[in-house]
N, C-alpha and C. Protein backbone atom coordinates (compact mmCIF):
# COMPACT_ATOMS: atom_id res chain seq x y z
N UNK A 1 80.64 -27.35 39.32
CA UNK A 1 80.85 -25.88 39.62
C UNK A 1 81.97 -25.70 40.71
N UNK A 2 82.95 -24.83 40.35
CA UNK A 2 84.13 -24.54 41.24
C UNK A 2 83.74 -23.99 42.55
N UNK A 3 84.32 -24.37 43.50
CA UNK A 3 84.29 -23.96 44.90
C UNK A 3 84.65 -22.43 45.09
N UNK A 4 83.98 -21.69 45.72
CA UNK A 4 84.47 -20.14 45.99
C UNK A 4 85.70 -20.25 46.66
N UNK A 5 86.61 -19.62 46.24
CA UNK A 5 88.11 -19.62 46.92
C UNK A 5 88.17 -18.77 48.08
N UNK A 6 87.13 -17.73 48.20
CA UNK A 6 87.29 -16.63 49.24
C UNK A 6 86.94 -17.17 50.59
N UNK A 7 87.66 -16.96 51.55
CA UNK A 7 87.55 -17.23 53.04
C UNK A 7 87.47 -16.14 53.81
N UNK A 8 86.79 -16.25 54.93
CA UNK A 8 86.67 -15.18 56.02
C UNK A 8 87.15 -15.93 57.38
N UNK A 9 88.18 -15.54 58.04
CA UNK A 9 88.61 -15.98 59.26
C UNK A 9 88.29 -14.86 60.36
N UNK A 10 87.48 -15.31 61.33
CA UNK A 10 86.87 -14.40 62.25
C UNK A 10 87.80 -14.54 63.64
N UNK A 11 88.31 -13.49 64.22
CA UNK A 11 88.93 -13.49 65.40
C UNK A 11 88.32 -12.46 66.44
N UNK A 12 87.94 -12.93 67.53
CA UNK A 12 87.37 -11.97 68.63
C UNK A 12 88.57 -11.54 69.43
N UNK A 13 88.87 -10.33 69.38
CA UNK A 13 90.11 -9.77 70.10
C UNK A 13 89.82 -8.69 71.11
N UNK A 14 90.61 -8.61 72.12
CA UNK A 14 90.63 -7.45 73.05
C UNK A 14 89.53 -7.51 74.09
N UNK A 15 89.56 -6.61 75.05
CA UNK A 15 88.66 -6.61 76.18
C UNK A 15 87.30 -6.38 75.75
N UNK A 16 87.10 -5.66 74.64
CA UNK A 16 85.64 -5.39 74.09
C UNK A 16 85.24 -6.42 73.01
N UNK A 17 85.92 -7.48 72.99
CA UNK A 17 85.54 -8.67 72.03
C UNK A 17 85.19 -8.04 70.63
N UNK A 18 86.17 -7.34 70.07
CA UNK A 18 85.95 -6.81 68.67
C UNK A 18 86.13 -7.91 67.67
N UNK A 19 85.43 -7.94 66.66
CA UNK A 19 85.53 -8.89 65.56
C UNK A 19 86.58 -8.46 64.61
N UNK A 20 87.73 -9.12 64.52
CA UNK A 20 88.74 -8.80 63.44
C UNK A 20 88.53 -9.95 62.37
N UNK A 21 88.51 -9.38 61.20
CA UNK A 21 88.26 -10.44 60.05
C UNK A 21 89.54 -10.38 59.07
N UNK A 22 90.05 -11.61 58.82
CA UNK A 22 90.95 -11.84 57.75
C UNK A 22 90.37 -12.39 56.50
N UNK A 23 90.36 -11.66 55.46
CA UNK A 23 89.68 -12.14 54.26
C UNK A 23 90.73 -12.42 53.31
N UNK A 24 90.74 -13.68 52.72
CA UNK A 24 91.67 -14.11 51.76
C UNK A 24 91.14 -15.05 50.73
N UNK A 25 92.01 -15.09 49.66
CA UNK A 25 91.89 -15.91 48.46
C UNK A 25 92.61 -17.19 48.83
N UNK A 26 91.98 -18.33 48.80
CA UNK A 26 92.71 -19.45 49.26
C UNK A 26 93.55 -20.07 48.13
N UNK A 27 93.36 -19.65 46.94
CA UNK A 27 94.28 -19.94 45.67
C UNK A 27 95.51 -18.99 45.69
N UNK A 28 95.22 -17.72 45.50
CA UNK A 28 96.27 -16.81 45.28
C UNK A 28 96.98 -16.41 46.66
N UNK A 29 96.39 -16.62 47.81
CA UNK A 29 96.91 -16.28 49.15
C UNK A 29 96.75 -14.66 49.35
N UNK A 30 96.20 -13.94 48.45
CA UNK A 30 95.92 -12.51 48.72
C UNK A 30 94.99 -12.34 49.96
N UNK A 31 95.36 -11.45 50.82
CA UNK A 31 94.51 -11.10 51.94
C UNK A 31 94.50 -9.75 52.40
N UNK A 32 93.40 -9.39 53.09
CA UNK A 32 93.34 -8.16 53.91
C UNK A 32 92.82 -8.38 55.26
N UNK A 33 93.12 -7.54 56.13
CA UNK A 33 92.70 -7.54 57.57
C UNK A 33 91.65 -6.40 57.82
N UNK A 34 90.52 -6.77 58.30
CA UNK A 34 89.53 -5.68 58.67
C UNK A 34 89.35 -5.61 60.11
N UNK A 35 89.50 -4.38 60.70
CA UNK A 35 89.45 -4.10 62.19
C UNK A 35 90.20 -4.90 63.00
N UNK A 36 91.52 -4.67 63.15
CA UNK A 36 92.56 -5.49 63.89
C UNK A 36 92.54 -5.30 65.36
N UNK A 37 91.32 -4.85 65.98
CA UNK A 37 91.26 -4.91 67.47
C UNK A 37 92.49 -4.38 68.13
N UNK A 38 92.83 -5.05 69.24
CA UNK A 38 94.08 -4.64 69.97
C UNK A 38 94.96 -5.72 70.29
N UNK A 39 95.14 -6.68 69.34
CA UNK A 39 96.03 -7.72 69.72
C UNK A 39 96.85 -8.07 68.24
N UNK A 40 97.65 -7.08 67.97
CA UNK A 40 98.26 -7.32 66.58
C UNK A 40 99.19 -8.50 66.43
N UNK A 41 99.92 -8.88 67.56
CA UNK A 41 100.90 -10.11 67.52
C UNK A 41 99.94 -11.25 67.22
N UNK A 42 98.84 -11.40 67.95
CA UNK A 42 98.01 -12.67 67.80
C UNK A 42 97.55 -12.81 66.39
N UNK A 43 97.08 -11.61 65.79
CA UNK A 43 96.55 -11.60 64.46
C UNK A 43 97.70 -11.94 63.52
N UNK A 44 98.89 -11.42 63.66
CA UNK A 44 100.04 -11.62 62.90
C UNK A 44 100.33 -13.21 62.88
N UNK A 45 100.25 -13.88 64.01
CA UNK A 45 100.46 -15.28 64.05
C UNK A 45 99.45 -15.99 63.23
N UNK A 46 98.27 -15.67 63.42
CA UNK A 46 97.27 -16.23 62.56
C UNK A 46 97.52 -16.14 61.03
N UNK A 47 97.95 -14.90 60.67
CA UNK A 47 98.34 -14.74 59.19
C UNK A 47 99.49 -15.65 58.77
N UNK A 48 100.49 -15.71 59.55
CA UNK A 48 101.54 -16.48 59.23
C UNK A 48 101.21 -18.06 59.20
N UNK A 49 100.34 -18.38 60.12
CA UNK A 49 99.82 -19.72 60.23
C UNK A 49 98.92 -20.16 58.92
N UNK A 50 98.21 -19.16 58.45
CA UNK A 50 97.48 -19.35 57.21
C UNK A 50 98.19 -19.37 55.97
N UNK A 51 99.43 -18.94 56.06
CA UNK A 51 100.40 -18.82 54.84
C UNK A 51 99.71 -17.88 53.83
N UNK A 52 99.29 -16.75 54.19
CA UNK A 52 98.64 -15.85 53.29
C UNK A 52 99.37 -14.50 53.23
N UNK A 53 99.22 -13.61 52.28
CA UNK A 53 99.95 -12.43 52.04
C UNK A 53 99.01 -11.22 52.21
N UNK A 54 99.16 -10.56 53.45
CA UNK A 54 98.27 -9.39 53.57
C UNK A 54 98.65 -8.25 52.82
N UNK A 55 97.76 -7.47 52.08
CA UNK A 55 98.03 -6.28 51.37
C UNK A 55 97.67 -4.99 52.06
N UNK A 56 96.73 -5.16 53.08
CA UNK A 56 96.30 -3.88 53.65
C UNK A 56 95.51 -4.18 54.82
N UNK A 57 95.25 -3.15 55.74
CA UNK A 57 94.48 -3.22 56.81
C UNK A 57 93.38 -2.24 56.61
N UNK A 58 92.11 -2.66 56.69
CA UNK A 58 90.87 -1.83 56.43
C UNK A 58 90.08 -1.48 57.72
N UNK A 59 89.88 -0.27 58.05
CA UNK A 59 89.22 0.10 59.32
C UNK A 59 87.65 0.60 58.92
N UNK A 60 86.79 0.06 59.47
CA UNK A 60 85.42 0.35 59.28
C UNK A 60 85.14 1.70 59.96
N UNK A 61 85.83 2.13 61.05
CA UNK A 61 85.86 3.41 61.67
C UNK A 61 86.95 3.61 62.62
N UNK A 62 87.10 4.78 63.30
CA UNK A 62 88.28 5.10 64.14
C UNK A 62 88.32 4.81 65.59
N UNK A 63 87.30 4.04 66.05
CA UNK A 63 87.26 3.73 67.50
C UNK A 63 88.41 2.85 67.82
N UNK A 64 89.07 3.03 69.00
CA UNK A 64 90.28 2.37 69.44
C UNK A 64 90.05 0.78 69.41
N UNK A 65 89.00 0.38 69.83
CA UNK A 65 88.74 -1.09 69.99
C UNK A 65 88.78 -1.77 68.60
N UNK A 66 88.78 -1.04 67.48
CA UNK A 66 88.82 -1.65 66.19
C UNK A 66 90.24 -1.39 65.53
N UNK A 67 91.15 -0.71 66.33
CA UNK A 67 92.35 -0.42 65.48
C UNK A 67 93.61 -0.42 66.31
N UNK A 68 93.61 -0.84 67.55
CA UNK A 68 94.73 -0.79 68.46
C UNK A 68 95.79 -1.70 67.90
N UNK A 69 95.56 -2.80 67.10
CA UNK A 69 96.51 -3.66 66.65
C UNK A 69 97.02 -3.32 65.30
N UNK A 70 96.53 -2.16 64.78
CA UNK A 70 96.95 -1.80 63.42
C UNK A 70 98.36 -1.47 63.25
N UNK A 71 98.87 -0.76 64.29
CA UNK A 71 100.30 -0.26 64.16
C UNK A 71 101.20 -1.56 64.14
N UNK A 72 100.98 -2.45 64.98
CA UNK A 72 101.92 -3.70 64.98
C UNK A 72 101.81 -4.24 63.72
N UNK A 73 100.60 -4.60 63.20
CA UNK A 73 100.52 -5.27 61.79
C UNK A 73 101.19 -4.45 60.72
N UNK A 74 101.02 -3.09 60.84
CA UNK A 74 101.50 -2.26 59.78
C UNK A 74 103.04 -2.40 59.78
N UNK A 75 103.72 -2.56 60.88
CA UNK A 75 105.16 -2.72 60.97
C UNK A 75 105.68 -4.04 60.71
N UNK A 76 104.91 -5.01 61.02
CA UNK A 76 105.38 -6.40 60.77
C UNK A 76 105.31 -6.73 59.24
N UNK A 77 104.18 -6.29 58.59
CA UNK A 77 103.91 -6.68 57.19
C UNK A 77 104.18 -5.55 56.16
N UNK A 78 104.46 -4.28 56.77
CA UNK A 78 104.65 -3.15 55.87
C UNK A 78 103.66 -2.95 54.89
N UNK A 79 102.38 -2.76 55.49
CA UNK A 79 101.21 -2.60 54.71
C UNK A 79 100.39 -1.27 55.05
N UNK A 80 99.66 -0.74 54.11
CA UNK A 80 98.88 0.54 54.48
C UNK A 80 97.65 0.15 55.36
N UNK A 81 97.17 1.20 56.09
CA UNK A 81 96.09 1.13 56.87
C UNK A 81 95.09 2.22 56.22
N UNK A 82 93.90 1.70 55.81
CA UNK A 82 92.92 2.57 55.13
C UNK A 82 91.81 2.82 56.05
N UNK A 83 91.41 4.18 56.11
CA UNK A 83 90.23 4.60 56.92
C UNK A 83 89.81 5.95 56.30
N UNK A 84 88.49 6.26 56.60
CA UNK A 84 87.80 7.53 56.13
C UNK A 84 88.46 8.69 56.95
N UNK A 85 88.85 9.69 56.27
CA UNK A 85 89.59 10.82 56.92
C UNK A 85 88.72 11.48 58.03
N UNK A 86 87.39 11.42 57.78
CA UNK A 86 86.46 12.05 58.84
C UNK A 86 86.64 11.43 60.29
N UNK A 87 87.19 10.31 60.51
CA UNK A 87 87.47 9.73 61.75
C UNK A 87 88.78 10.04 62.16
N UNK A 88 89.65 10.87 61.49
CA UNK A 88 90.95 11.08 62.01
C UNK A 88 90.97 11.62 63.43
N UNK A 89 90.06 12.38 63.81
CA UNK A 89 90.03 12.94 65.30
C UNK A 89 90.01 11.89 66.27
N UNK A 90 89.36 10.72 65.94
CA UNK A 90 89.36 9.72 66.90
C UNK A 90 90.71 8.87 66.98
N UNK A 91 91.54 8.90 65.89
CA UNK A 91 92.84 8.35 65.96
C UNK A 91 93.74 9.23 66.80
N UNK A 92 93.46 10.54 66.68
CA UNK A 92 94.36 11.50 67.52
C UNK A 92 94.12 11.28 69.15
N UNK A 93 92.96 10.82 69.48
CA UNK A 93 92.52 10.69 70.84
C UNK A 93 92.66 9.16 71.27
N UNK A 94 93.25 8.30 70.25
CA UNK A 94 93.22 6.85 70.46
C UNK A 94 93.75 6.37 71.93
N UNK A 95 94.87 6.93 72.23
CA UNK A 95 95.57 6.45 73.61
C UNK A 95 94.73 6.82 74.62
N UNK A 96 94.23 8.11 74.82
CA UNK A 96 93.41 8.60 75.91
C UNK A 96 92.03 7.73 75.96
N UNK A 97 91.37 7.60 74.90
CA UNK A 97 90.20 6.80 74.94
C UNK A 97 90.39 5.37 75.40
N UNK A 98 91.44 4.79 74.85
CA UNK A 98 91.75 3.38 75.25
C UNK A 98 92.02 3.23 76.64
N UNK A 99 92.73 4.11 77.16
CA UNK A 99 93.12 4.04 78.61
C UNK A 99 91.98 4.20 79.51
N UNK A 100 90.95 5.11 79.06
CA UNK A 100 89.81 5.49 79.87
C UNK A 100 88.99 4.18 79.99
N UNK A 101 88.77 3.53 78.84
CA UNK A 101 87.81 2.52 78.75
C UNK A 101 88.36 1.15 79.21
N UNK A 102 89.76 0.87 78.92
CA UNK A 102 90.32 -0.40 79.22
C UNK A 102 91.03 -0.52 80.58
N UNK A 103 91.22 0.71 81.22
CA UNK A 103 91.86 0.96 82.50
C UNK A 103 93.22 0.29 82.56
N UNK A 104 93.95 0.50 81.48
CA UNK A 104 95.38 0.08 81.51
C UNK A 104 96.19 1.14 80.70
N UNK A 105 97.49 1.01 80.92
CA UNK A 105 98.42 1.88 80.24
C UNK A 105 98.51 1.34 78.75
N UNK A 106 98.39 2.26 77.82
CA UNK A 106 98.39 1.93 76.41
C UNK A 106 99.77 2.11 75.95
N UNK A 107 100.47 1.08 75.27
CA UNK A 107 101.73 1.22 74.65
C UNK A 107 101.63 1.15 73.19
N UNK A 108 100.47 0.66 72.72
CA UNK A 108 100.17 0.80 71.23
C UNK A 108 100.32 2.16 70.62
N UNK A 109 100.92 2.24 69.49
CA UNK A 109 101.06 3.53 68.80
C UNK A 109 99.98 3.71 67.70
N UNK A 110 99.92 4.85 67.17
CA UNK A 110 98.91 5.13 66.11
C UNK A 110 99.52 4.75 64.80
N UNK A 111 98.72 4.02 63.98
CA UNK A 111 99.20 3.62 62.66
C UNK A 111 99.23 4.86 61.65
N UNK A 112 100.04 4.71 60.68
CA UNK A 112 99.98 5.83 59.55
C UNK A 112 98.77 5.44 58.70
N UNK A 113 97.83 6.40 58.64
CA UNK A 113 96.57 6.19 57.92
C UNK A 113 96.59 6.72 56.48
N UNK A 114 96.20 5.83 55.61
CA UNK A 114 95.92 6.27 54.25
C UNK A 114 94.42 6.54 54.00
N UNK A 115 94.12 7.64 53.50
CA UNK A 115 92.74 8.06 53.45
C UNK A 115 92.02 7.19 52.34
N UNK A 116 90.89 6.68 52.57
CA UNK A 116 90.11 6.04 51.58
C UNK A 116 89.62 7.12 50.57
N UNK A 117 89.96 7.03 49.40
CA UNK A 117 89.64 8.10 48.45
C UNK A 117 88.82 7.47 47.21
N UNK A 118 88.78 6.23 47.15
CA UNK A 118 87.98 5.54 46.10
C UNK A 118 86.73 4.83 46.53
N UNK A 119 85.84 4.54 45.57
CA UNK A 119 84.64 3.77 45.99
C UNK A 119 84.97 2.25 45.90
N UNK A 120 86.17 1.96 45.27
CA UNK A 120 86.51 0.51 45.19
C UNK A 120 87.96 0.35 45.66
N UNK A 121 88.34 -0.70 46.39
CA UNK A 121 89.70 -0.87 46.72
C UNK A 121 89.97 -2.35 46.19
N UNK A 122 91.19 -2.40 45.60
CA UNK A 122 91.59 -3.66 44.89
C UNK A 122 92.99 -4.01 45.58
N UNK A 123 93.00 -5.29 46.07
CA UNK A 123 94.17 -5.94 46.52
C UNK A 123 94.43 -7.30 45.96
N UNK A 124 95.22 -7.30 45.12
CA UNK A 124 95.39 -8.62 44.30
C UNK A 124 93.97 -8.97 43.68
N UNK A 125 93.50 -10.21 44.10
CA UNK A 125 92.18 -10.61 43.59
C UNK A 125 90.95 -10.18 44.39
N UNK A 126 91.30 -9.44 45.51
CA UNK A 126 90.26 -9.05 46.38
C UNK A 126 89.72 -7.67 46.02
N UNK A 127 88.46 -7.49 45.82
CA UNK A 127 87.88 -6.14 45.45
C UNK A 127 86.80 -5.82 46.44
N UNK A 128 86.92 -4.69 47.03
CA UNK A 128 86.01 -4.25 48.00
C UNK A 128 85.33 -2.89 47.47
N UNK A 129 84.10 -2.91 47.66
CA UNK A 129 83.31 -1.66 47.48
C UNK A 129 83.04 -1.00 48.81
N UNK A 130 83.34 0.33 48.76
CA UNK A 130 83.24 1.07 50.08
C UNK A 130 81.86 1.86 50.09
N UNK A 131 81.12 1.66 51.15
CA UNK A 131 79.88 2.32 51.35
C UNK A 131 80.05 3.28 52.55
N UNK A 132 79.90 4.63 52.41
CA UNK A 132 79.92 5.56 53.54
C UNK A 132 78.72 5.35 54.38
N UNK A 133 78.99 5.09 55.65
CA UNK A 133 78.05 4.88 56.68
C UNK A 133 78.15 5.63 57.92
N UNK A 134 78.02 7.08 57.77
CA UNK A 134 78.18 7.93 59.00
C UNK A 134 76.91 7.60 59.97
N UNK A 135 77.07 8.01 61.11
CA UNK A 135 76.14 7.90 62.06
C UNK A 135 76.55 7.45 63.51
N UNK A 136 77.19 6.24 63.47
CA UNK A 136 77.99 5.89 64.80
C UNK A 136 79.17 6.75 64.99
N UNK A 137 79.94 7.03 63.87
CA UNK A 137 81.03 7.97 63.85
C UNK A 137 80.83 8.68 62.50
N UNK A 138 81.48 9.96 62.39
CA UNK A 138 81.27 10.58 61.15
C UNK A 138 81.95 9.87 59.88
N UNK A 139 83.06 9.09 60.15
CA UNK A 139 83.75 8.56 59.01
C UNK A 139 83.46 7.10 58.93
N UNK A 140 82.38 6.57 59.44
CA UNK A 140 82.14 5.15 59.44
C UNK A 140 81.91 4.66 57.99
N UNK A 141 82.43 3.48 57.75
CA UNK A 141 82.29 2.94 56.40
C UNK A 141 81.90 1.40 56.49
N UNK A 142 81.35 0.81 55.47
CA UNK A 142 81.08 -0.65 55.38
C UNK A 142 81.82 -1.13 54.03
N UNK A 143 82.30 -2.28 54.12
CA UNK A 143 83.03 -2.93 52.94
C UNK A 143 82.23 -4.04 52.42
N UNK A 144 81.93 -3.89 51.05
CA UNK A 144 81.23 -5.08 50.41
C UNK A 144 82.13 -5.80 49.64
N UNK A 145 82.11 -7.12 49.87
CA UNK A 145 82.96 -8.02 49.15
C UNK A 145 82.09 -8.95 48.29
N UNK A 146 81.76 -8.36 47.09
CA UNK A 146 80.73 -8.96 46.23
C UNK A 146 81.03 -10.42 45.75
N UNK A 147 82.31 -10.80 45.67
CA UNK A 147 82.56 -12.06 45.18
C UNK A 147 82.28 -13.23 46.14
N UNK A 148 82.08 -12.83 47.45
CA UNK A 148 81.67 -13.77 48.39
C UNK A 148 80.37 -13.47 49.06
N UNK A 149 79.61 -12.50 48.54
CA UNK A 149 78.37 -12.02 49.00
C UNK A 149 78.45 -11.77 50.51
N UNK A 150 79.49 -10.84 50.88
CA UNK A 150 79.68 -10.52 52.19
C UNK A 150 79.72 -9.06 52.35
N UNK A 151 79.36 -8.59 53.63
CA UNK A 151 79.39 -7.17 54.02
C UNK A 151 79.95 -6.99 55.39
N UNK A 152 80.97 -6.23 55.57
CA UNK A 152 81.63 -5.82 56.89
C UNK A 152 81.14 -4.61 57.37
N UNK A 153 80.40 -4.43 58.31
CA UNK A 153 79.60 -3.29 58.82
C UNK A 153 80.17 -2.53 59.98
N UNK A 154 81.24 -3.12 60.62
CA UNK A 154 81.74 -2.39 61.77
C UNK A 154 80.75 -2.18 62.79
N UNK A 155 80.47 -1.02 63.34
CA UNK A 155 79.51 -0.86 64.36
C UNK A 155 78.27 -0.18 63.88
N UNK A 156 78.00 -0.22 62.67
CA UNK A 156 76.74 0.32 62.05
C UNK A 156 75.55 -0.50 62.32
N UNK A 157 75.73 -1.73 61.98
CA UNK A 157 74.61 -2.69 62.21
C UNK A 157 75.15 -4.06 62.79
N UNK A 158 74.47 -4.64 63.74
CA UNK A 158 74.91 -6.03 64.31
C UNK A 158 73.60 -7.02 64.09
N UNK A 159 73.92 -8.25 64.45
CA UNK A 159 72.88 -9.22 64.34
C UNK A 159 71.74 -8.99 65.44
N UNK A 160 70.63 -9.73 65.23
CA UNK A 160 69.49 -9.64 66.14
C UNK A 160 68.78 -8.34 66.33
N UNK A 161 68.98 -7.46 65.29
CA UNK A 161 68.17 -6.25 65.29
C UNK A 161 68.89 -5.10 65.93
N UNK A 162 70.17 -5.31 66.31
CA UNK A 162 70.81 -4.14 67.11
C UNK A 162 71.62 -3.36 66.08
N UNK A 163 71.69 -1.97 66.48
CA UNK A 163 72.44 -1.09 65.65
C UNK A 163 73.43 -0.33 66.42
N UNK A 164 74.29 0.44 65.78
CA UNK A 164 75.36 1.21 66.44
C UNK A 164 74.93 2.26 67.42
N UNK A 165 75.55 2.49 68.52
CA UNK A 165 75.15 3.51 69.42
C UNK A 165 75.28 4.90 68.84
N UNK A 166 74.33 5.77 69.15
CA UNK A 166 74.37 7.13 68.72
C UNK A 166 74.34 8.14 69.87
N UNK A 167 74.72 7.68 71.10
CA UNK A 167 74.64 8.69 72.23
C UNK A 167 75.87 9.40 72.47
N UNK A 168 76.91 9.23 71.44
CA UNK A 168 78.20 10.01 71.66
C UNK A 168 78.00 11.41 70.90
N UNK A 169 78.87 12.26 71.50
CA UNK A 169 78.66 13.61 71.13
C UNK A 169 78.81 13.87 69.54
N UNK A 170 79.54 13.04 68.87
CA UNK A 170 79.69 13.22 67.41
C UNK A 170 78.77 12.26 66.59
N UNK A 171 78.03 11.45 67.32
CA UNK A 171 77.11 10.53 66.63
C UNK A 171 75.80 11.18 66.16
N UNK A 172 75.26 10.67 65.05
CA UNK A 172 74.08 11.28 64.47
C UNK A 172 73.02 10.15 64.18
N UNK A 173 72.04 10.05 64.97
CA UNK A 173 70.99 9.06 64.76
C UNK A 173 70.33 8.96 63.40
N UNK A 174 70.05 10.24 62.96
CA UNK A 174 69.36 10.24 61.40
C UNK A 174 70.35 9.74 60.46
N UNK A 175 71.63 10.06 60.53
CA UNK A 175 72.59 9.67 59.59
C UNK A 175 72.79 8.16 59.74
N UNK A 176 72.76 7.59 60.85
CA UNK A 176 72.79 6.02 61.09
C UNK A 176 71.66 5.53 60.33
N UNK A 177 70.42 6.03 60.46
CA UNK A 177 69.21 5.54 59.90
C UNK A 177 69.51 5.40 58.39
N UNK A 178 69.94 6.51 57.90
CA UNK A 178 70.13 6.54 56.38
C UNK A 178 71.17 5.55 55.94
N UNK A 179 72.24 5.38 56.75
CA UNK A 179 73.32 4.49 56.44
C UNK A 179 72.73 3.08 56.29
N UNK A 180 71.94 2.66 57.36
CA UNK A 180 71.33 1.38 57.50
C UNK A 180 70.49 1.04 56.22
N UNK A 181 69.74 1.96 55.86
CA UNK A 181 68.78 1.75 54.74
C UNK A 181 69.65 1.60 53.37
N UNK A 182 70.73 2.23 53.35
CA UNK A 182 71.71 2.01 52.18
C UNK A 182 72.13 0.59 52.07
N UNK A 183 72.51 0.07 53.30
CA UNK A 183 72.93 -1.34 53.36
C UNK A 183 71.87 -2.27 53.03
N UNK A 184 70.54 -1.93 53.36
CA UNK A 184 69.53 -2.80 53.10
C UNK A 184 69.07 -2.87 51.69
N UNK A 185 69.74 -2.10 50.85
CA UNK A 185 69.39 -2.17 49.44
C UNK A 185 70.28 -3.41 48.80
N UNK A 186 71.14 -3.97 49.59
CA UNK A 186 71.98 -5.06 49.11
C UNK A 186 71.00 -6.36 49.08
N UNK A 187 71.48 -7.35 48.26
CA UNK A 187 70.80 -8.55 48.16
C UNK A 187 70.50 -9.35 49.55
N UNK A 188 69.32 -9.92 49.60
CA UNK A 188 68.97 -10.65 50.88
C UNK A 188 70.04 -11.63 51.25
N UNK A 189 70.74 -12.28 50.35
CA UNK A 189 71.66 -13.34 50.73
C UNK A 189 73.06 -12.79 51.40
N UNK A 190 73.24 -11.55 51.28
CA UNK A 190 74.56 -11.14 51.75
C UNK A 190 74.68 -11.34 53.22
N UNK A 191 75.87 -11.97 53.58
CA UNK A 191 76.07 -12.19 54.99
C UNK A 191 76.79 -10.84 55.65
N UNK A 192 76.15 -10.55 56.82
CA UNK A 192 76.73 -9.29 57.49
C UNK A 192 77.76 -9.75 58.45
N UNK A 193 79.01 -9.35 58.38
CA UNK A 193 79.91 -9.54 59.36
C UNK A 193 80.13 -8.25 60.25
N UNK A 194 79.70 -8.22 61.43
CA UNK A 194 79.57 -6.88 62.26
C UNK A 194 80.83 -6.81 63.16
N UNK A 195 80.99 -5.69 63.74
CA UNK A 195 82.20 -5.46 64.60
C UNK A 195 82.21 -6.16 65.83
N UNK A 196 81.01 -6.52 66.29
CA UNK A 196 80.97 -7.42 67.45
C UNK A 196 79.70 -8.39 67.31
N UNK A 197 79.84 -9.49 68.00
CA UNK A 197 78.76 -10.47 67.99
C UNK A 197 78.72 -11.41 66.84
N UNK A 198 77.67 -11.99 66.67
CA UNK A 198 77.59 -13.08 65.57
C UNK A 198 77.18 -12.47 64.14
N UNK A 199 77.35 -13.39 63.20
CA UNK A 199 76.96 -12.98 61.75
C UNK A 199 75.39 -12.95 61.70
N UNK A 200 74.93 -12.37 60.58
CA UNK A 200 73.60 -12.35 60.23
C UNK A 200 73.50 -12.25 58.66
N UNK A 201 72.36 -11.99 58.18
CA UNK A 201 72.17 -11.66 56.75
C UNK A 201 71.44 -10.27 56.50
N UNK A 202 71.42 -9.83 55.26
CA UNK A 202 70.63 -8.64 55.03
C UNK A 202 69.21 -8.92 55.25
N UNK A 203 68.73 -10.00 54.74
CA UNK A 203 67.32 -10.43 54.86
C UNK A 203 66.84 -10.51 56.31
N UNK A 204 67.63 -11.06 57.16
CA UNK A 204 67.10 -11.18 58.57
C UNK A 204 67.19 -9.77 59.21
N UNK A 205 68.26 -8.99 59.06
CA UNK A 205 68.25 -7.70 59.75
C UNK A 205 67.32 -6.76 59.19
N UNK A 206 67.10 -6.77 57.87
CA UNK A 206 65.98 -5.87 57.27
C UNK A 206 64.66 -6.12 57.92
N UNK A 207 64.22 -7.41 57.96
CA UNK A 207 63.06 -7.72 58.60
C UNK A 207 62.97 -7.30 60.10
N UNK A 208 64.00 -7.43 60.85
CA UNK A 208 64.02 -7.12 62.16
C UNK A 208 63.92 -5.62 62.36
N UNK A 209 64.53 -4.93 61.63
CA UNK A 209 64.65 -3.50 61.64
C UNK A 209 63.31 -2.83 61.24
N UNK A 210 62.74 -3.33 60.20
CA UNK A 210 61.39 -2.94 59.69
C UNK A 210 60.33 -3.19 60.75
N UNK A 211 60.33 -4.34 61.42
CA UNK A 211 59.43 -4.78 62.42
C UNK A 211 59.58 -3.88 63.61
N UNK A 212 60.72 -3.58 64.00
CA UNK A 212 61.00 -2.69 65.18
C UNK A 212 60.37 -1.26 65.00
N UNK A 213 60.74 -0.87 63.79
CA UNK A 213 60.31 0.61 63.52
C UNK A 213 58.79 0.72 63.25
N UNK A 214 58.15 -0.28 62.68
CA UNK A 214 56.82 -0.36 62.41
C UNK A 214 55.89 -0.42 63.68
N UNK A 215 56.62 -1.00 64.68
CA UNK A 215 55.79 -1.13 66.02
C UNK A 215 56.04 0.00 66.98
N UNK A 216 56.74 1.08 66.56
CA UNK A 216 57.05 2.20 67.47
C UNK A 216 55.70 2.87 67.71
C-alpha cells in the first residue's frame, strides 16, 4: 500500500503561540498555508526550506493573531488569502487590535482578501471542504482535508475539551455549539489541528464535550 503523500508542518508563531499549518503534497510539492500568525518571514523561510509551492493562504477567522503574517506571505509568493467575508470587520481593525493585545507598534499591513465563495477549495492536488463555524467570530470556518483525514478548526475547538471563547461582543455561544456539533459528525479518526495548543481527534473531543455537557 502506498504511503500517504500529504504532510502537515506545524509552526507555533507569535506572542499568542498561534498554530500555523503548512499543508503540502510531498510528491507534487503543492502547498497551502493555514493561519499564518504574525511571523511571515519565518514561515516563508520554512516554505523555501521544504521546497514546496504555496498556492494560497487560508484563514479560519479574522483575528489578528491568525493573520498578521498573511500580507508578507502574499507579497513574497504572490498568492491569494481566503477568508469568510463576515470577518472583514476584524481585518479592518487588525492594527488597533494587535497593538492593544501585543503592546507593540504594528508595522504589518492588511492582506488583500479573497472571499470564500465555494464549499470546496482546490489547489493543485489539495482539496479542502469548507465548513462554516460561526460562534467565536461571525465568519469562522473549519477546513476539512479528507485525503489526510484532517480538520483545521482555528479557534472553534481545541484539544482536551476546550472550545473557543464567546465573551466577545460579536461572539455567539449558541452558534458555536451548533458549529461544534457539525464538526462532530465527521469520522472518529479525523485529526483536529486547532488554532492553539496540541492536536486531538474527533473521537476524543466528542467524548469530552458530551461528558462535560451531560454533567452540567
